[in-house]
């Protein structure tokens, strides 16, 4: 693979890490508007990076493709695995 492959993959992994951490934080702090904004911004960056990657190298498994309103909506039921 070329250098761009590894660069994009590294950037995606870094953004995915931030999204997971923000997700965990927001599960216990659902009214933290700044964290929700940060999550949504990172989700948008991730979407752009994933699109670049997928256009060149194929599909990815993803995190961060869904945005949240305030308060944090991911802790609302039913959860995806309960439907």
PDB file of N, CA and C in Angstrom:
ATOM      1  N   UNK A   1       0.832  -1.187   0.000  1.00  0.00           N
ATOM      2  CA  UNK A   1       0.000   0.000   0.000  1.00  0.00           C
ATOM      3  C   UNK A   1       0.874   1.248   0.000  1.00  0.00           C
ATOM      4  N   UNK A   2       0.308   2.319  -0.552  1.00  0.00           N
ATOM      5  CA  UNK A   2       1.055   3.572  -0.614  1.00  0.00           C
ATOM      6  C   UNK A   2       1.002   4.314   0.729  1.00  0.00           C
ATOM      7  N   UNK A   3       1.750   5.385   0.808  1.00  0.00           N
ATOM      8  CA  UNK A   3       1.862   6.160   2.050  1.00  0.00           C
ATOM      9  C   UNK A   3       0.515   6.766   2.461  1.00  0.00           C
ATOM     10  N   UNK A   4      -0.300   7.179   1.506  1.00  0.00           N
ATOM     11  CA  UNK A   4      -1.599   7.772   1.794  1.00  0.00           C
ATOM     12  C   UNK A   4      -2.528   6.779   2.513  1.00  0.00           C
ATOM     13  N   UNK A   5      -2.432   5.507   2.165  1.00  0.00           N
ATOM     14  CA  UNK A   5      -3.220   4.463   2.826  1.00  0.00           C
ATOM     15  C   UNK A   5      -2.958   4.477   4.327  1.00  0.00           C
ATOM     16  N   UNK A   6      -1.705   4.459   4.712  1.00  0.00           N
ATOM     17  CA  UNK A   6      -1.340   4.422   6.126  1.00  0.00           C
ATOM     18  C   UNK A   6      -1.665   5.743   6.832  1.00  0.00           C
ATOM     19  N   UNK A   7      -1.504   6.851   6.130  1.00  0.00           N
ATOM     20  CA  UNK A   7      -1.821   8.158   6.705  1.00  0.00           C
ATOM     21  C   UNK A   7      -3.313   8.255   7.017  1.00  0.00           C
ATOM     22  N   UNK A   8      -4.163   7.910   6.054  1.00  0.00           N
ATOM     23  CA  UNK A   8      -5.609   7.958   6.272  1.00  0.00           C
ATOM     24  C   UNK A   8      -6.048   6.974   7.352  1.00  0.00           C
ATOM     25  N   UNK A   9      -5.491   5.794   7.338  1.00  0.00           N
ATOM     26  CA  UNK A   9      -5.841   4.793   8.337  1.00  0.00           C
ATOM     27  C   UNK A   9      -5.469   5.269   9.742  1.00  0.00           C
ATOM     28  N   UNK A  10      -4.304   5.872   9.882  1.00  0.00           N
ATOM     29  CA  UNK A  10      -3.875   6.412  11.179  1.00  0.00           C
ATOM     30  C   UNK A  10      -4.816   7.529  11.636  1.00  0.00           C
ATOM     31  N   UNK A  11      -5.186   8.436  10.729  1.00  0.00           N
ATOM     32  CA  UNK A  11      -6.098   9.522  11.076  1.00  0.00           C
ATOM     33  C   UNK A  11      -7.465   8.973  11.493  1.00  0.00           C
ATOM     34  N   UNK A  12      -7.945   7.972  10.768  1.00  0.00           N
ATOM     35  CA  UNK A  12      -9.223   7.352  11.123  1.00  0.00           C
ATOM     36  C   UNK A  12      -9.167   6.706  12.506  1.00  0.00           C
ATOM     37  N   UNK A  13      -8.096   6.022  12.796  1.00  0.00           N
ATOM     38  CA  UNK A  13      -7.957   5.382  14.101  1.00  0.00           C
ATOM     39  C   UNK A  13      -7.924   6.417  15.218  1.00  0.00           C
ATOM     40  N   UNK A  14      -7.266   7.532  14.994  1.00  0.00           N
ATOM     41  CA  UNK A  14      -7.200   8.582  16.007  1.00  0.00           C
ATOM     42  C   UNK A  14      -8.586   9.188  16.251  1.00  0.00           C
ATOM     43  N   UNK A  15      -9.314   9.475  15.179  1.00  0.00           N
ATOM     44  CA  UNK A  15     -10.659  10.043  15.321  1.00  0.00           C
ATOM     45  C   UNK A  15     -11.601   9.024  15.962  1.00  0.00           C
ATOM     46  N   UNK A  16     -11.490   7.749  15.579  1.00  0.00           N
ATOM     47  CA  UNK A  16     -12.315   6.704  16.193  1.00  0.00           C
ATOM     48  C   UNK A  16     -12.070   6.630  17.697  1.00  0.00           C
ATOM     49  N   UNK A  17     -10.829   6.762  18.119  1.00  0.00           N
ATOM     50  CA  UNK A  17     -10.504   6.738  19.545  1.00  0.00           C
ATOM     51  C   UNK A  17     -11.211   7.883  20.269  1.00  0.00           C
ATOM     52  N   UNK A  18     -11.127   9.079  19.697  1.00  0.00           N
ATOM     53  CA  UNK A  18     -11.770  10.248  20.302  1.00  0.00           C
ATOM     54  C   UNK A  18     -13.280  10.048  20.374  1.00  0.00           C
ATOM     55  N   UNK A  19     -13.875   9.510  19.304  1.00  0.00           N
ATOM     56  CA  UNK A  19     -15.317   9.287  19.284  1.00  0.00           C
ATOM     57  C   UNK A  19     -15.750   8.278  20.348  1.00  0.00           C
ATOM     58  N   UNK A  20     -14.992   7.215  20.524  1.00  0.00           N
ATOM     59  CA  UNK A  20     -15.328   6.229  21.553  1.00  0.00           C
ATOM     60  C   UNK A  20     -15.236   6.859  22.937  1.00  0.00           C
ATOM     61  N   UNK A  21     -14.187   7.622  23.184  1.00  0.00           N
ATOM     62  CA  UNK A  21     -14.017   8.263  24.490  1.00  0.00           C
ATOM     63  C   UNK A  21     -15.132   9.271  24.763  1.00  0.00           C
ATOM     64  N   UNK A  22     -15.483  10.073  23.753  1.00  0.00           N
ATOM     65  CA  UNK A  22     -16.568  11.028  23.929  1.00  0.00           C
ATOM     66  C   UNK A  22     -17.897  10.309  24.145  1.00  0.00           C
ATOM     67  N   UNK A  23     -18.100   9.212  23.442  1.00  0.00           N
ATOM     68  CA  UNK A  23     -19.310   8.417  23.623  1.00  0.00           C
ATOM     69  C   UNK A  23     -19.429   7.934  25.069  1.00  0.00           C
ATOM     70  N   UNK A  24     -18.360   7.405  25.604  1.00  0.00           N
ATOM     71  CA  UNK A  24     -18.359   6.938  26.996  1.00  0.00           C
ATOM     72  C   UNK A  24     -18.614   8.087  27.967  1.00  0.00           C
ATOM     73  N   UNK A  25     -17.968   9.209  27.736  1.00  0.00           N
ATOM     74  CA  UNK A  25     -18.157  10.378  28.595  1.00  0.00           C
ATOM     75  C   UNK A  25     -19.606  10.856  28.547  1.00  0.00           C
ATOM     76  N   UNK A  26     -20.149  10.945  27.333  1.00  0.00           N
ATOM     77  CA  UNK A  26     -21.502  11.461  27.180  1.00  0.00           C
ATOM     78  C   UNK A  26     -22.568  10.515  27.740  1.00  0.00           C
ATOM     79  N   UNK A  27     -22.250   9.246  27.842  1.00  0.00           N
ATOM     80  CA  UNK A  27     -23.182   8.317  28.479  1.00  0.00           C
ATOM     81  C   UNK A  27     -23.431   8.692  29.937  1.00  0.00           C
ATOM     82  N   UNK A  28     -22.452   9.311  30.580  1.00  0.00           N
ATOM     83  CA  UNK A  28     -22.601   9.703  31.983  1.00  0.00           C
ATOM     84  C   UNK A  28     -22.773  11.215  32.161  1.00  0.00           C
ATOM     85  N   UNK A  29     -22.593  11.983  31.093  1.00  0.00           N
ATOM     86  CA  UNK A  29     -22.740  13.446  31.132  1.00  0.00           C
ATOM     87  C   UNK A  29     -23.581  13.893  29.926  1.00  0.00           C
ATOM     88  N   UNK A  30     -24.843  13.449  29.840  1.00  0.00           N
ATOM     89  CA  UNK A  30     -25.635  13.669  28.625  1.00  0.00           C
ATOM     90  C   UNK A  30     -26.008  15.122  28.341  1.00  0.00           C
ATOM     91  N   UNK A  31     -25.821  16.018  29.275  1.00  0.00           N
ATOM     92  CA  UNK A  31     -26.169  17.427  29.057  1.00  0.00           C
ATOM     93  C   UNK A  31     -24.962  18.317  28.800  1.00  0.00           C
ATOM     94  N   UNK A  32     -23.804  17.732  28.599  1.00  0.00           N
ATOM     95  CA  UNK A  32     -22.596  18.510  28.334  1.00  0.00           C
ATOM     96  C   UNK A  32     -22.598  18.947  26.867  1.00  0.00           C
ATOM     97  N   UNK A  33     -23.135  20.131  26.635  1.00  0.00           N
ATOM     98  CA  UNK A  33     -23.317  20.637  25.275  1.00  0.00           C
ATOM     99  C   UNK A  33     -21.988  20.738  24.520  1.00  0.00           C
ATOM    100  N   UNK A  34     -20.928  21.169  25.203  1.00  0.00           N
ATOM    101  CA  UNK A  34     -19.616  21.285  24.534  1.00  0.00           C
ATOM    102  C   UNK A  34     -19.113  19.920  24.069  1.00  0.00           C
ATOM    103  N   UNK A  35     -19.308  18.899  24.880  1.00  0.00           N
ATOM    104  CA  UNK A  35     -18.878  17.553  24.497  1.00  0.00           C
ATOM    105  C   UNK A  35     -19.707  17.030  23.329  1.00  0.00           C
ATOM    106  N   UNK A  36     -20.999  17.356  23.315  1.00  0.00           N
ATOM    107  CA  UNK A  36     -21.844  16.947  22.187  1.00  0.00           C
ATOM    108  C   UNK A  36     -21.382  17.627  20.912  1.00  0.00           C
ATOM    109  N   UNK A  37     -21.062  18.907  20.993  1.00  0.00           N
ATOM    110  CA  UNK A  37     -20.535  19.614  19.818  1.00  0.00           C
ATOM    111  C   UNK A  37     -19.222  18.988  19.348  1.00  0.00           C
ATOM    112  N   UNK A  38     -18.355  18.664  20.298  1.00  0.00           N
ATOM    113  CA  UNK A  38     -17.081  18.035  19.967  1.00  0.00           C
ATOM    114  C   UNK A  38     -17.310  16.676  19.302  1.00  0.00           C
ATOM    115  N   UNK A  39     -18.228  15.892  19.853  1.00  0.00           N
ATOM    116  CA  UNK A  39     -18.562  14.593  19.267  1.00  0.00           C
ATOM    117  C   UNK A  39     -19.057  14.769  17.832  1.00  0.00           C
ATOM    118  N   UNK A  40     -19.999  15.687  17.636  1.00  0.00           N
ATOM    119  CA  UNK A  40     -20.560  15.887  16.302  1.00  0.00           C
ATOM    120  C   UNK A  40     -19.510  16.374  15.316  1.00  0.00           C
ATOM    121  N   UNK A  41     -18.607  17.244  15.765  1.00  0.00           N
ATOM    122  CA  UNK A  41     -17.524  17.703  14.895  1.00  0.00           C
ATOM    123  C   UNK A  41     -16.613  16.538  14.502  1.00  0.00           C
ATOM    124  N   UNK A  42     -16.234  15.734  15.480  1.00  0.00           N
ATOM    125  CA  UNK A  42     -15.372  14.582  15.191  1.00  0.00           C
ATOM    126  C   UNK A  42     -16.075  13.574  14.287  1.00  0.00           C
ATOM    127  N   UNK A  43     -17.382  13.409  14.478  1.00  0.00           N
ATOM    128  CA  UNK A  43     -18.147  12.506  13.616  1.00  0.00           C
ATOM    129  C   UNK A  43     -18.122  13.004  12.177  1.00  0.00           C
ATOM    130  N   UNK A  44     -18.217  14.302  12.005  1.00  0.00           N
ATOM    131  CA  UNK A  44     -18.162  14.882  10.657  1.00  0.00           C
ATOM    132  C   UNK A  44     -16.770  14.699  10.041  1.00  0.00           C
ATOM    133  N   UNK A  45     -15.722  14.940  10.817  1.00  0.00           N
ATOM    134  CA  UNK A  45     -14.352  14.732  10.336  1.00  0.00           C
ATOM    135  C   UNK A  45     -14.147  13.271   9.962  1.00  0.00           C
ATOM    136  N   UNK A  46     -14.658  12.375  10.799  1.00  0.00           N
ATOM    137  CA  UNK A  46     -14.524  10.946  10.541  1.00  0.00           C
ATOM    138  C   UNK A  46     -15.228  10.549   9.247  1.00  0.00           C
ATOM    139  N   UNK A  47     -16.407  11.126   9.035  1.00  0.00           N
ATOM    140  CA  UNK A  47     -17.165  10.832   7.826  1.00  0.00           C
ATOM    141  C   UNK A  47     -16.388  11.265   6.583  1.00  0.00           C
ATOM    142  N   UNK A  48     -15.766  12.423   6.645  1.00  0.00           N
ATOM    143  CA  UNK A  48     -14.973  12.919   5.519  1.00  0.00           C
ATOM    144  C   UNK A  48     -13.747  12.036   5.271  1.00  0.00           C
ATOM    145  N   UNK A  49     -13.052  11.678   6.352  1.00  0.00           N
ATOM    146  CA  UNK A  49     -11.880  10.809   6.220  1.00  0.00           C
ATOM    147  C   UNK A  49     -12.277   9.432   5.680  1.00  0.00           C
ATOM    148  N   UNK A  50     -13.374   8.889   6.204  1.00  0.00           N
ATOM    149  CA  UNK A  50     -13.833   7.574   5.750  1.00  0.00           C
ATOM    150  C   UNK A  50     -14.198   7.619   4.276  1.00  0.00           C
ATOM    151  N   UNK A  51     -14.832   8.701   3.846  1.00  0.00           N
ATOM    152  CA  UNK A  51     -15.187   8.827   2.430  1.00  0.00           C
ATOM    153  C   UNK A  51     -13.928   8.837   1.562  1.00  0.00           C
ATOM    154  N   UNK A  52     -12.935   9.609   1.978  1.00  0.00           N
ATOM    155  CA  UNK A  52     -11.665   9.640   1.238  1.00  0.00           C
ATOM    156  C   UNK A  52     -11.058   8.242   1.165  1.00  0.00           C
ATOM    157  N   UNK A  53     -11.014   7.588   2.307  1.00  0.00           N
ATOM    158  CA  UNK A  53     -10.417   6.258   2.369  1.00  0.00           C
ATOM    159  C   UNK A  53     -11.192   5.281   1.486  1.00  0.00           C
ATOM    160  N   UNK A  54     -12.517   5.256   1.640  1.00  0.00           N
ATOM    161  CA  UNK A  54     -13.336   4.301   0.900  1.00  0.00           C
ATOM    162  C   UNK A  54     -13.296   4.536  -0.603  1.00  0.00           C
ATOM    163  N   UNK A  55     -13.155   5.776  -1.011  1.00  0.00           N
ATOM    164  CA  UNK A  55     -13.037   6.055  -2.445  1.00  0.00           C
ATOM    165  C   UNK A  55     -11.765   5.448  -3.027  1.00  0.00           C
ATOM    166  N   UNK A  56     -10.724   5.404  -2.216  1.00  0.00           N
ATOM    167  CA  UNK A  56      -9.431   4.891  -2.703  1.00  0.00           C
ATOM    168  C   UNK A  56      -9.191   3.421  -2.374  1.00  0.00           C
ATOM    169  N   UNK A  57      -9.657   2.972  -1.198  1.00  0.00           N
ATOM    170  CA  UNK A  57      -9.216   1.672  -0.705  1.00  0.00           C
ATOM    171  C   UNK A  57     -10.332   0.694  -0.354  1.00  0.00           C
ATOM    172  N   UNK A  58     -11.587   1.092  -0.479  1.00  0.00           N
ATOM    173  CA  UNK A  58     -12.681   0.175  -0.185  1.00  0.00           C
ATOM    174  C   UNK A  58     -13.366   0.466   1.128  1.00  0.00           C
ATOM    175  N   UNK A  59     -14.392  -0.344   1.469  1.00  0.00           N
ATOM    176  CA  UNK A  59     -15.240  -0.053   2.625  1.00  0.00           C
ATOM    177  C   UNK A  59     -14.551  -0.240   3.972  1.00  0.00           C
ATOM    178  N   UNK A  60     -15.103   0.454   4.953  1.00  0.00           N
ATOM    179  CA  UNK A  60     -14.618   0.418   6.339  1.00  0.00           C
ATOM    180  C   UNK A  60     -15.764   0.085   7.276  1.00  0.00           C
ATOM    181  N   UNK A  61     -15.428  -0.455   8.425  1.00  0.00           N
ATOM    182  CA  UNK A  61     -16.368  -0.524   9.532  1.00  0.00           C
ATOM    183  C   UNK A  61     -16.367   0.852  10.163  1.00  0.00           C
ATOM    184  N   UNK A  62     -17.471   1.328  10.686  1.00  0.00           N
ATOM    185  CA  UNK A  62     -17.455   2.730  11.088  1.00  0.00           C
ATOM    186  C   UNK A  62     -18.009   3.008  12.474  1.00  0.00           C
ATOM    187  N   UNK A  63     -17.576   4.123  13.034  1.00  0.00           N
ATOM    188  CA  UNK A  63     -18.117   4.764  14.230  1.00  0.00           C
ATOM    189  C   UNK A  63     -18.318   6.228  13.864  1.00  0.00           C
ATOM    190  N   UNK A  64     -19.258   6.878  14.507  1.00  0.00           N
ATOM    191  CA  UNK A  64     -19.381   8.314  14.334  1.00  0.00           C
ATOM    192  C   UNK A  64     -20.154   8.778  13.125  1.00  0.00           C
ATOM    193  N   UNK A  65     -20.899   7.916  12.483  1.00  0.00           N
ATOM    194  CA  UNK A  65     -21.678   8.367  11.338  1.00  0.00           C
ATOM    195  C   UNK A  65     -23.010   8.963  11.747  1.00  0.00           C
ATOM    196  N   UNK A  66     -23.389   8.823  12.985  1.00  0.00           N
ATOM    197  CA  UNK A  66     -24.647   9.366  13.473  1.00  0.00           C
ATOM    198  C   UNK A  66     -24.374  10.562  14.369  1.00  0.00           C
ATOM    199  N   UNK A  67     -25.141  11.626  14.159  1.00  0.00           N
ATOM    200  CA  UNK A  67     -25.011  12.820  14.984  1.00  0.00           C
ATOM    201  C   UNK A  67     -25.999  12.742  16.130  1.00  0.00           C
ATOM    202  N   UNK A  68     -25.745  13.516  17.164  1.00  0.00           N
ATOM    203  CA  UNK A  68     -26.627  13.534  18.326  1.00  0.00           C
ATOM    204  C   UNK A  68     -27.156  14.937  18.554  1.00  0.00           C
ATOM    205  N   UNK A  69     -28.407  15.014  18.955  1.00  0.00           N
ATOM    206  CA  UNK A  69     -28.951  16.268  19.447  1.00  0.00           C
ATOM    207  C   UNK A  69     -28.614  16.422  20.916  1.00  0.00           C
ATOM    208  N   UNK A  70     -29.000  17.533  21.500  1.00  0.00           N
ATOM    209  CA  UNK A  70     -28.782  17.754  22.922  1.00  0.00           C
ATOM    210  C   UNK A  70     -30.123  17.639  23.631  1.00  0.00           C
ATOM    211  N   UNK A  71     -30.231  16.910  24.719  1.00  0.00           N
ATOM    212  CA  UNK A  71     -29.182  16.136  25.372  1.00  0.00           C
ATOM    213  C   UNK A  71     -28.789  14.899  24.564  1.00  0.00           C
ATOM    214  N   UNK A  72     -27.703  14.296  24.973  1.00  0.00           N
ATOM    215  CA  UNK A  72     -27.127  13.114  24.326  1.00  0.00           C
ATOM    216  C   UNK A  72     -28.200  12.060  24.113  1.00  0.00           C
ATOM    217  N   UNK A  73     -28.312  11.544  22.875  1.00  0.00           N
ATOM    218  CA  UNK A  73     -29.418  10.656  22.540  1.00  0.00           C
ATOM    219  C   UNK A  73     -29.069   9.176  22.526  1.00  0.00           C
ATOM    220  N   UNK A  74     -27.808   8.849  22.610  1.00  0.00           N
ATOM    221  CA  UNK A  74     -27.429   7.435  22.504  1.00  0.00           C
ATOM    222  C   UNK A  74     -27.828   6.603  23.702  1.00  0.00           C
ATOM    223  N   UNK A  75     -28.165   7.242  24.798  1.00  0.00           N
ATOM    224  CA  UNK A  75     -28.589   6.451  25.947  1.00  0.00           C
ATOM    225  C   UNK A  75     -30.105   6.313  26.021  1.00  0.00           C
ATOM    226  N   UNK A  76     -30.823   6.799  24.989  1.00  0.00           N
ATOM    227  CA  UNK A  76     -32.269   6.601  24.901  1.00  0.00           C
ATOM    228  C   UNK A  76     -32.557   5.179  24.437  1.00  0.00           C
ATOM    229  N   UNK A  77     -33.589   4.577  24.989  1.00  0.00           N
ATOM    230  CA  UNK A  77     -33.973   3.236  24.558  1.00  0.00           C
ATOM    231  C   UNK A  77     -35.098   3.345  23.545  1.00  0.00           C
ATOM    232  N   UNK A  78     -35.318   2.373  22.701  1.00  0.00           N
ATOM    233  CA  UNK A  78     -34.564   1.115  22.671  1.00  0.00           C
ATOM    234  C   UNK A  78     -33.219   1.293  21.980  1.00  0.00           C
ATOM    235  N   UNK A  79     -32.233   0.534  22.415  1.00  0.00           N
ATOM    236  CA  UNK A  79     -30.932   0.543  21.779  1.00  0.00           C
ATOM    237  C   UNK A  79     -30.986  -0.301  20.527  1.00  0.00           C
ATOM    238  N   UNK A  80     -30.078  -0.069  19.595  1.00  0.00           N
ATOM    239  CA  UNK A  80     -30.149  -0.802  18.314  1.00  0.00           C
ATOM    240  C   UNK A  80     -30.257  -2.304  18.467  1.00  0.00           C
ATOM    241  N   UNK A  81     -29.582  -2.888  19.430  1.00  0.00           N
ATOM    242  CA  UNK A  81     -29.609  -4.345  19.584  1.00  0.00           C
ATOM    243  C   UNK A  81     -30.890  -4.816  20.269  1.00  0.00           C
ATOM    244  N   UNK A  82     -31.731  -3.892  20.744  1.00  0.00           N
ATOM    245  CA  UNK A  82     -32.982  -4.275  21.371  1.00  0.00           C
ATOM    246  C   UNK A  82     -34.159  -4.246  20.392  1.00  0.00           C
ATOM    247  N   UNK A  83     -33.951  -3.738  19.206  1.00  0.00           N
ATOM    248  CA  UNK A  83     -35.030  -3.605  18.226  1.00  0.00           C
ATOM    249  C   UNK A  83     -35.242  -4.912  17.493  1.00  0.00           C
TER     250      UNK A  83
END
